Amino acid sequence: MAHRIDVGDVQIISLLDVGNWTLAGFFPTVPAELWEEYRAIYPDALLEHNSIATSATCYAVRSRSQTILLDAGLGPGPHERAGGQRGQLLEELRSVGIAPSDVDVVAMTHLHRDHVGWNALLHEGGAKPTFPRARYLAPRKDWAHFERPEIRERSPYLAGTIALFEKGLIELVDGEHSVSAEVTLVPTPGHTPGHQAAMIASRGERAMVIGDVAHTPPQVQEIEWSASADVDAEAACRTRQATFDRAEAERLLLCANHFPHPGFGRLVRLNGRRVFQAL
């Protein structure tokens, strides 16, 4: 079920593509006793030691003039790693009155499988864009990373996205990039070289879609918890520190793609510890 929240004059809609699957051993170096402390705070997010409950959540930002989709989930499926589930993004969009042809921009936080899956639909003749009127935006540094032969060979899920690029449908962006009057992409490297978050601002209210800056709520405090999927653990740590310091200082609404759905929340202090308080 899609969830909505207003930020000034824009609406942010949380869209669940695939939910409720387990990532085992995702933080292999966290002591068991510390893990249990955080399980008490986030019982829906942390499972047995070093395993997390996760989902593939995307966000749509709808203003009077356009609809921007931030990330494109895992795709149609079925997805073996998620218990054979099929992606529900298009159904989620339809439930809030958004057809694929209504999407003006698809902006990717990065190029991992659970963020690009619905970019294109594959068929015998090749691939066609799922969102036929959209501009697609991808981070340039990620593109350079995933173009490396040894990385591309391990990333067959990118076939549809690469086909769109070859058709001239994907624009590569770098640094801060204005998508619209309300949405700006900002570099948040570490998880991947070109990872980017999305800042949303309207009428003095602000939110941030964080992508994979963090995968589970304890990381807002435990910034050194680095997921096994982080390409550069030290850079990811620095990014978490800067991102969550800013989010706390500026009281940003956070939209967290992998925290328990719908992922909306703010940072607060609990016994001197920074925690994610879901809305």
Protein backbone atom coordinates (compact mmCIF):
# COMPACT_ATOMS: atom_id res chain seq x y z
CA MET A 1 0.00 0.00 0.00
CA ALA A 2 1.39 3.39 -1.01
CA HIS A 3 1.85 5.99 1.73
CA ARG A 4 1.91 9.74 1.19
CA ILE A 5 3.29 12.74 3.03
CA ASP A 6 3.29 16.43 2.08
CA VAL A 7 6.42 18.59 2.01
CA GLY A 8 5.29 22.11 1.27
CA ASP A 9 3.47 22.03 -2.04
CA VAL A 10 4.77 18.62 -3.13
CA GLN A 11 3.66 15.15 -2.19
CA ILE A 12 6.14 12.35 -1.52
CA ILE A 13 4.67 8.90 -2.06
CA SER A 14 6.34 5.77 -0.67
CA LEU A 15 5.92 2.85 -3.08
CA LEU A 16 6.65 -0.72 -2.01
CA ASP A 17 8.02 -2.78 -4.90
CA VAL A 18 9.11 -5.85 -2.94
CA GLY A 19 8.85 -6.22 0.83
CA ASN A 20 9.75 -8.46 3.72
CA TRP A 21 12.88 -10.28 2.76
CA THR A 22 15.96 -11.09 4.81
CA LEU A 23 19.54 -10.08 4.15
CA ALA A 24 21.66 -12.46 6.20
CA GLY A 25 25.10 -11.57 7.54
CA PHE A 26 24.88 -8.05 6.16
CA PHE A 27 26.96 -6.53 8.98
CA PRO A 28 29.41 -9.32 9.86
CA THR A 29 31.58 -7.37 12.33
CA VAL A 30 28.89 -6.02 14.71
CA PRO A 31 29.18 -7.56 18.21
CA ALA A 32 26.21 -9.71 19.17
CA GLU A 33 25.52 -7.76 22.37
CA LEU A 34 25.34 -4.44 20.50
CA TRP A 35 23.09 -6.04 17.90
CA GLU A 36 20.68 -7.10 20.64
CA GLU A 37 20.61 -3.56 22.09
CA TYR A 38 19.43 -2.25 18.75
CA ARG A 39 16.98 -5.11 18.21
CA ALA A 40 15.17 -3.80 21.27
CA ILE A 41 14.91 -0.33 19.68
CA TYR A 42 14.10 -1.50 16.13
CA PRO A 43 12.32 -4.87 16.43
CA ASP A 44 10.90 -4.66 12.88
CA ALA A 45 14.28 -3.98 11.29
CA LEU A 46 16.78 -6.33 12.92
CA LEU A 47 16.52 -10.11 12.91
CA GLU A 48 18.99 -12.70 14.18
CA HIS A 49 22.55 -11.51 14.65
CA ASN A 50 23.81 -9.58 11.61
CA SER A 51 20.63 -10.17 9.56
CA ILE A 52 18.20 -7.42 8.63
CA ALA A 53 14.64 -7.26 7.37
CA THR A 54 14.51 -5.13 4.27
CA SER A 55 12.40 -4.08 1.31
CA ALA A 56 12.72 -2.32 -2.02
CA THR A 57 10.96 1.00 -1.55
CA CYS A 58 10.82 3.70 -4.23
CA TYR A 59 9.56 7.26 -3.88
CA ALA A 60 7.50 9.41 -6.22
CA VAL A 61 7.59 13.18 -5.85
CA ARG A 62 4.49 14.77 -7.29
CA SER A 63 4.14 18.51 -7.81
CA ARG A 64 1.67 20.58 -9.78
CA SER A 65 3.89 20.40 -12.86
CA GLN A 66 5.47 16.94 -12.89
CA THR A 67 6.00 13.52 -11.36
CA ILE A 68 9.52 12.35 -10.49
CA LEU A 69 10.25 8.72 -9.63
CA LEU A 70 13.25 8.21 -7.35
CA ASP A 71 14.57 4.69 -7.96
CA ALA A 72 12.86 1.85 -9.81
CA GLY A 73 12.92 -1.11 -7.45
CA LEU A 74 13.77 -4.72 -8.20
CA GLY A 75 11.58 -5.08 -11.25
CA PRO A 76 8.96 -7.62 -12.37
CA GLY A 77 10.60 -10.77 -10.97
CA PRO A 78 10.01 -13.33 -9.61
CA HIS A 79 12.96 -12.63 -7.31
CA GLU A 80 14.57 -15.72 -5.84
CA ARG A 81 16.49 -13.71 -3.23
CA ALA A 82 13.19 -12.31 -1.96
CA GLY A 83 11.31 -15.59 -1.67
CA GLY A 84 10.02 -15.58 -5.24
CA GLN A 85 8.11 -12.31 -4.84
CA ARG A 86 7.15 -10.25 -7.86
CA GLY A 87 7.61 -6.50 -8.08
CA GLN A 88 4.55 -4.38 -7.34
CA LEU A 89 5.79 -0.91 -8.33
CA LEU A 90 3.42 -0.40 -11.25
CA GLU A 91 0.44 -1.51 -9.16
CA GLU A 92 1.53 0.83 -6.37
CA LEU A 93 1.74 3.72 -8.82
CA ARG A 94 -1.68 2.93 -10.27
CA SER A 95 -3.17 2.87 -6.76
CA VAL A 96 -2.32 6.57 -6.42
CA GLY A 97 -3.42 7.49 -9.94
CA ILE A 98 -0.01 7.47 -11.65
CA ALA A 99 0.31 5.65 -14.98
CA PRO A 100 3.76 4.84 -16.41
CA SER A 101 3.22 7.54 -19.04
CA ASP A 102 2.64 10.11 -16.27
CA VAL A 103 6.22 9.85 -14.99
CA ASP A 104 8.34 12.74 -16.23
CA VAL A 105 11.70 11.83 -14.68
CA VAL A 106 13.24 8.62 -13.31
CA ALA A 107 16.27 9.47 -11.14
CA MET A 108 18.45 6.62 -9.87
CA THR A 109 20.29 6.93 -6.58
CA HIS A 110 22.72 4.29 -7.88
CA LEU A 111 22.92 1.28 -10.19
CA HIS A 112 22.38 -1.72 -7.91
CA ARG A 113 19.73 -4.25 -8.91
CA ASP A 114 17.10 -3.15 -6.39
CA HIS A 115 17.08 0.43 -7.68
CA VAL A 116 16.94 -0.03 -11.47
CA GLY A 117 14.72 -3.07 -11.97
CA TRP A 118 11.72 -1.33 -13.55
CA ASN A 119 13.71 1.03 -15.79
CA ALA A 120 13.00 -1.11 -18.84
CA LEU A 121 10.83 -4.01 -19.90
CA LEU A 122 12.69 -6.70 -21.84
CA HIS A 123 11.08 -8.43 -24.80
CA GLU A 124 12.20 -10.45 -27.79
CA GLY A 125 13.01 -7.35 -29.79
CA GLY A 126 15.13 -5.84 -27.04
CA ALA A 127 14.06 -3.41 -24.33
CA LYS A 128 11.62 -0.55 -24.08
CA PRO A 129 11.34 2.06 -21.34
CA THR A 130 8.76 1.22 -18.69
CA PHE A 131 8.10 4.94 -18.35
CA PRO A 132 7.87 5.99 -22.00
CA ARG A 133 7.80 9.78 -21.53
CA ALA A 134 10.44 10.00 -18.81
CA ARG A 135 13.93 11.44 -18.78
CA TYR A 136 16.18 8.92 -17.04
CA LEU A 137 19.03 10.25 -14.87
CA ALA A 138 21.92 8.07 -13.67
CA PRO A 139 25.08 9.02 -11.75
CA ARG A 140 28.06 9.35 -14.08
CA LYS A 141 30.59 7.88 -11.63
CA ASP A 142 28.41 4.83 -11.12
CA TRP A 143 28.15 4.37 -14.88
CA ALA A 144 31.94 4.44 -15.19
CA HIS A 145 32.23 1.91 -12.35
CA PHE A 146 29.65 -0.53 -13.72
CA GLU A 147 31.07 -0.27 -17.25
CA ARG A 148 34.24 -1.98 -16.09
CA PRO A 149 34.21 -5.42 -17.78
CA GLU A 150 34.61 -7.41 -14.56
CA ILE A 151 31.76 -5.47 -12.90
CA ARG A 152 29.48 -5.53 -15.93
CA GLU A 153 29.93 -9.30 -16.23
CA ARG A 154 28.59 -9.69 -12.67
CA SER A 155 25.66 -7.32 -13.29
CA PRO A 156 23.38 -8.90 -15.93
CA TYR A 157 20.41 -7.13 -14.33
CA LEU A 158 21.66 -3.92 -15.98
CA ALA A 159 20.82 -5.18 -19.49
CA GLY A 160 17.62 -3.16 -19.75
CA THR A 161 19.20 0.00 -18.35
CA ILE A 162 22.16 -0.31 -20.73
CA ALA A 163 19.73 -0.75 -23.63
CA LEU A 164 18.04 2.52 -22.67
CA PHE A 165 21.42 4.25 -22.55
CA GLU A 166 22.26 2.97 -26.01
CA LYS A 167 18.97 4.41 -27.23
CA GLY A 168 20.00 7.82 -25.86
CA LEU A 169 17.33 7.78 -23.14
CA ILE A 170 19.63 8.07 -20.11
CA GLU A 171 21.43 11.26 -19.10
CA LEU A 172 24.50 10.91 -16.89
CA VAL A 173 24.72 13.49 -14.10
CA ASP A 174 27.48 14.54 -11.73
CA GLY A 175 27.73 16.73 -8.64
CA GLU A 176 24.66 18.59 -7.46
CA HIS A 177 22.03 18.38 -10.17
CA SER A 178 18.72 20.22 -10.23
CA VAL A 179 15.93 17.95 -11.43
CA SER A 180 13.12 20.43 -10.81
CA ALA A 181 12.36 23.48 -8.71
CA GLU A 182 11.81 21.16 -5.74
CA VAL A 183 14.23 18.24 -6.29
CA THR A 184 18.03 18.32 -6.31
CA LEU A 185 20.35 15.31 -6.55
CA VAL A 186 23.35 15.52 -4.21
CA PRO A 187 26.48 13.32 -4.14
CA THR A 188 26.58 10.77 -1.29
CA PRO A 189 29.42 8.45 -2.38
CA GLY A 190 30.64 5.31 -0.67
CA HIS A 191 28.02 2.63 -1.15
CA THR A 192 28.83 3.07 -4.83
CA PRO A 193 31.20 5.64 -6.36
CA GLY A 194 28.42 7.83 -7.73
CA HIS A 195 25.68 7.23 -5.18
CA GLN A 196 23.38 10.23 -4.86
CA ALA A 197 20.56 11.23 -2.54
CA ALA A 198 17.65 13.48 -3.46
CA MET A 199 16.89 16.69 -1.56
CA ILE A 200 13.28 17.85 -1.75
CA ALA A 201 12.38 21.41 -0.72
CA SER A 202 9.14 23.36 -0.90
CA ARG A 203 7.80 26.30 1.11
CA GLY A 204 10.53 26.03 3.72
CA GLU A 205 9.99 22.30 4.33
CA ARG A 206 12.64 19.76 3.35
CA ALA A 207 13.13 16.03 2.98
CA MET A 208 15.85 13.69 1.76
CA VAL A 209 15.53 10.37 -0.03
CA ILE A 210 18.67 8.56 1.12
CA GLY A 211 18.88 5.51 -1.15
CA ASP A 212 21.55 3.24 0.31
CA VAL A 213 23.37 5.77 2.49
CA ALA A 214 22.09 3.42 5.21
CA HIS A 215 20.38 0.04 5.03
CA THR A 216 19.03 -0.23 8.57
CA PRO A 217 18.05 2.30 11.27
CA PRO A 218 20.93 1.69 13.73
CA GLN A 219 23.30 3.19 11.16
CA VAL A 220 22.03 6.70 11.93
CA GLN A 221 24.06 6.36 15.14
CA GLU A 222 26.48 3.55 14.32
CA ILE A 223 27.94 5.16 11.21
CA GLU A 224 30.84 2.68 11.15
CA TRP A 225 28.50 -0.22 10.51
CA SER A 226 29.38 -0.81 6.88
CA ALA A 227 27.30 -3.16 4.78
CA SER A 228 29.05 -5.88 2.85
CA ALA A 229 27.71 -4.25 -0.32
CA ASP A 230 29.50 -0.91 0.27
CA VAL A 231 32.12 -0.42 -2.44
CA ASP A 232 34.17 2.02 -0.32
CA ALA A 233 33.47 1.49 3.38
CA GLU A 234 35.46 4.53 4.55
CA ALA A 235 33.71 6.88 2.13
CA ALA A 236 30.33 5.38 3.07
CA CYS A 237 31.10 6.06 6.73
CA ARG A 238 31.99 9.69 6.02
CA THR A 239 28.83 10.09 3.99
CA ARG A 240 26.64 8.68 6.77
CA GLN A 241 28.25 11.01 9.28
CA ALA A 242 27.68 14.08 7.14
CA THR A 243 24.19 13.04 6.03
CA PHE A 244 22.81 12.25 9.46
CA ASP A 245 24.51 15.21 11.16
CA ARG A 246 22.76 17.42 8.62
CA ALA A 247 19.45 15.59 8.91
CA GLU A 248 19.47 15.98 12.69
CA ALA A 249 20.57 19.62 12.69
CA GLU A 250 18.06 20.65 10.02
CA ARG A 251 15.20 18.38 11.17
CA LEU A 252 14.95 16.87 7.71
CA LEU A 253 12.25 14.36 6.93
CA LEU A 254 14.11 11.21 5.91
CA CYS A 255 12.80 8.82 3.27
CA ALA A 256 14.78 5.62 3.73
CA ASN A 257 14.51 3.06 0.94
CA HIS A 258 15.49 0.05 3.05
CA PHE A 259 14.17 0.90 6.50
CA PRO A 260 10.83 -0.67 7.45
CA HIS A 261 8.24 0.52 4.95
CA PRO A 262 7.15 3.26 4.31
CA GLY A 263 10.53 4.61 5.46
CA PHE A 264 9.42 8.08 6.59
CA GLY A 265 10.95 9.40 9.80
CA ARG A 266 13.11 11.93 11.63
CA LEU A 267 16.17 11.74 13.84
CA VAL A 268 15.73 12.26 17.57
CA ARG A 269 17.85 11.68 20.68
CA LEU A 270 17.12 8.83 23.07
CA ASN A 271 19.39 8.51 26.11
CA GLY A 272 22.13 10.34 24.26
CA ARG A 273 21.84 8.09 21.21
CA ARG A 274 20.65 9.27 17.82
CA VAL A 275 17.69 7.17 16.69
CA PHE A 276 15.37 7.05 13.71
CA GLN A 277 11.80 7.79 14.76
CA ALA A 278 9.39 6.45 12.17
CA LEU A 279 6.34 8.53 11.30
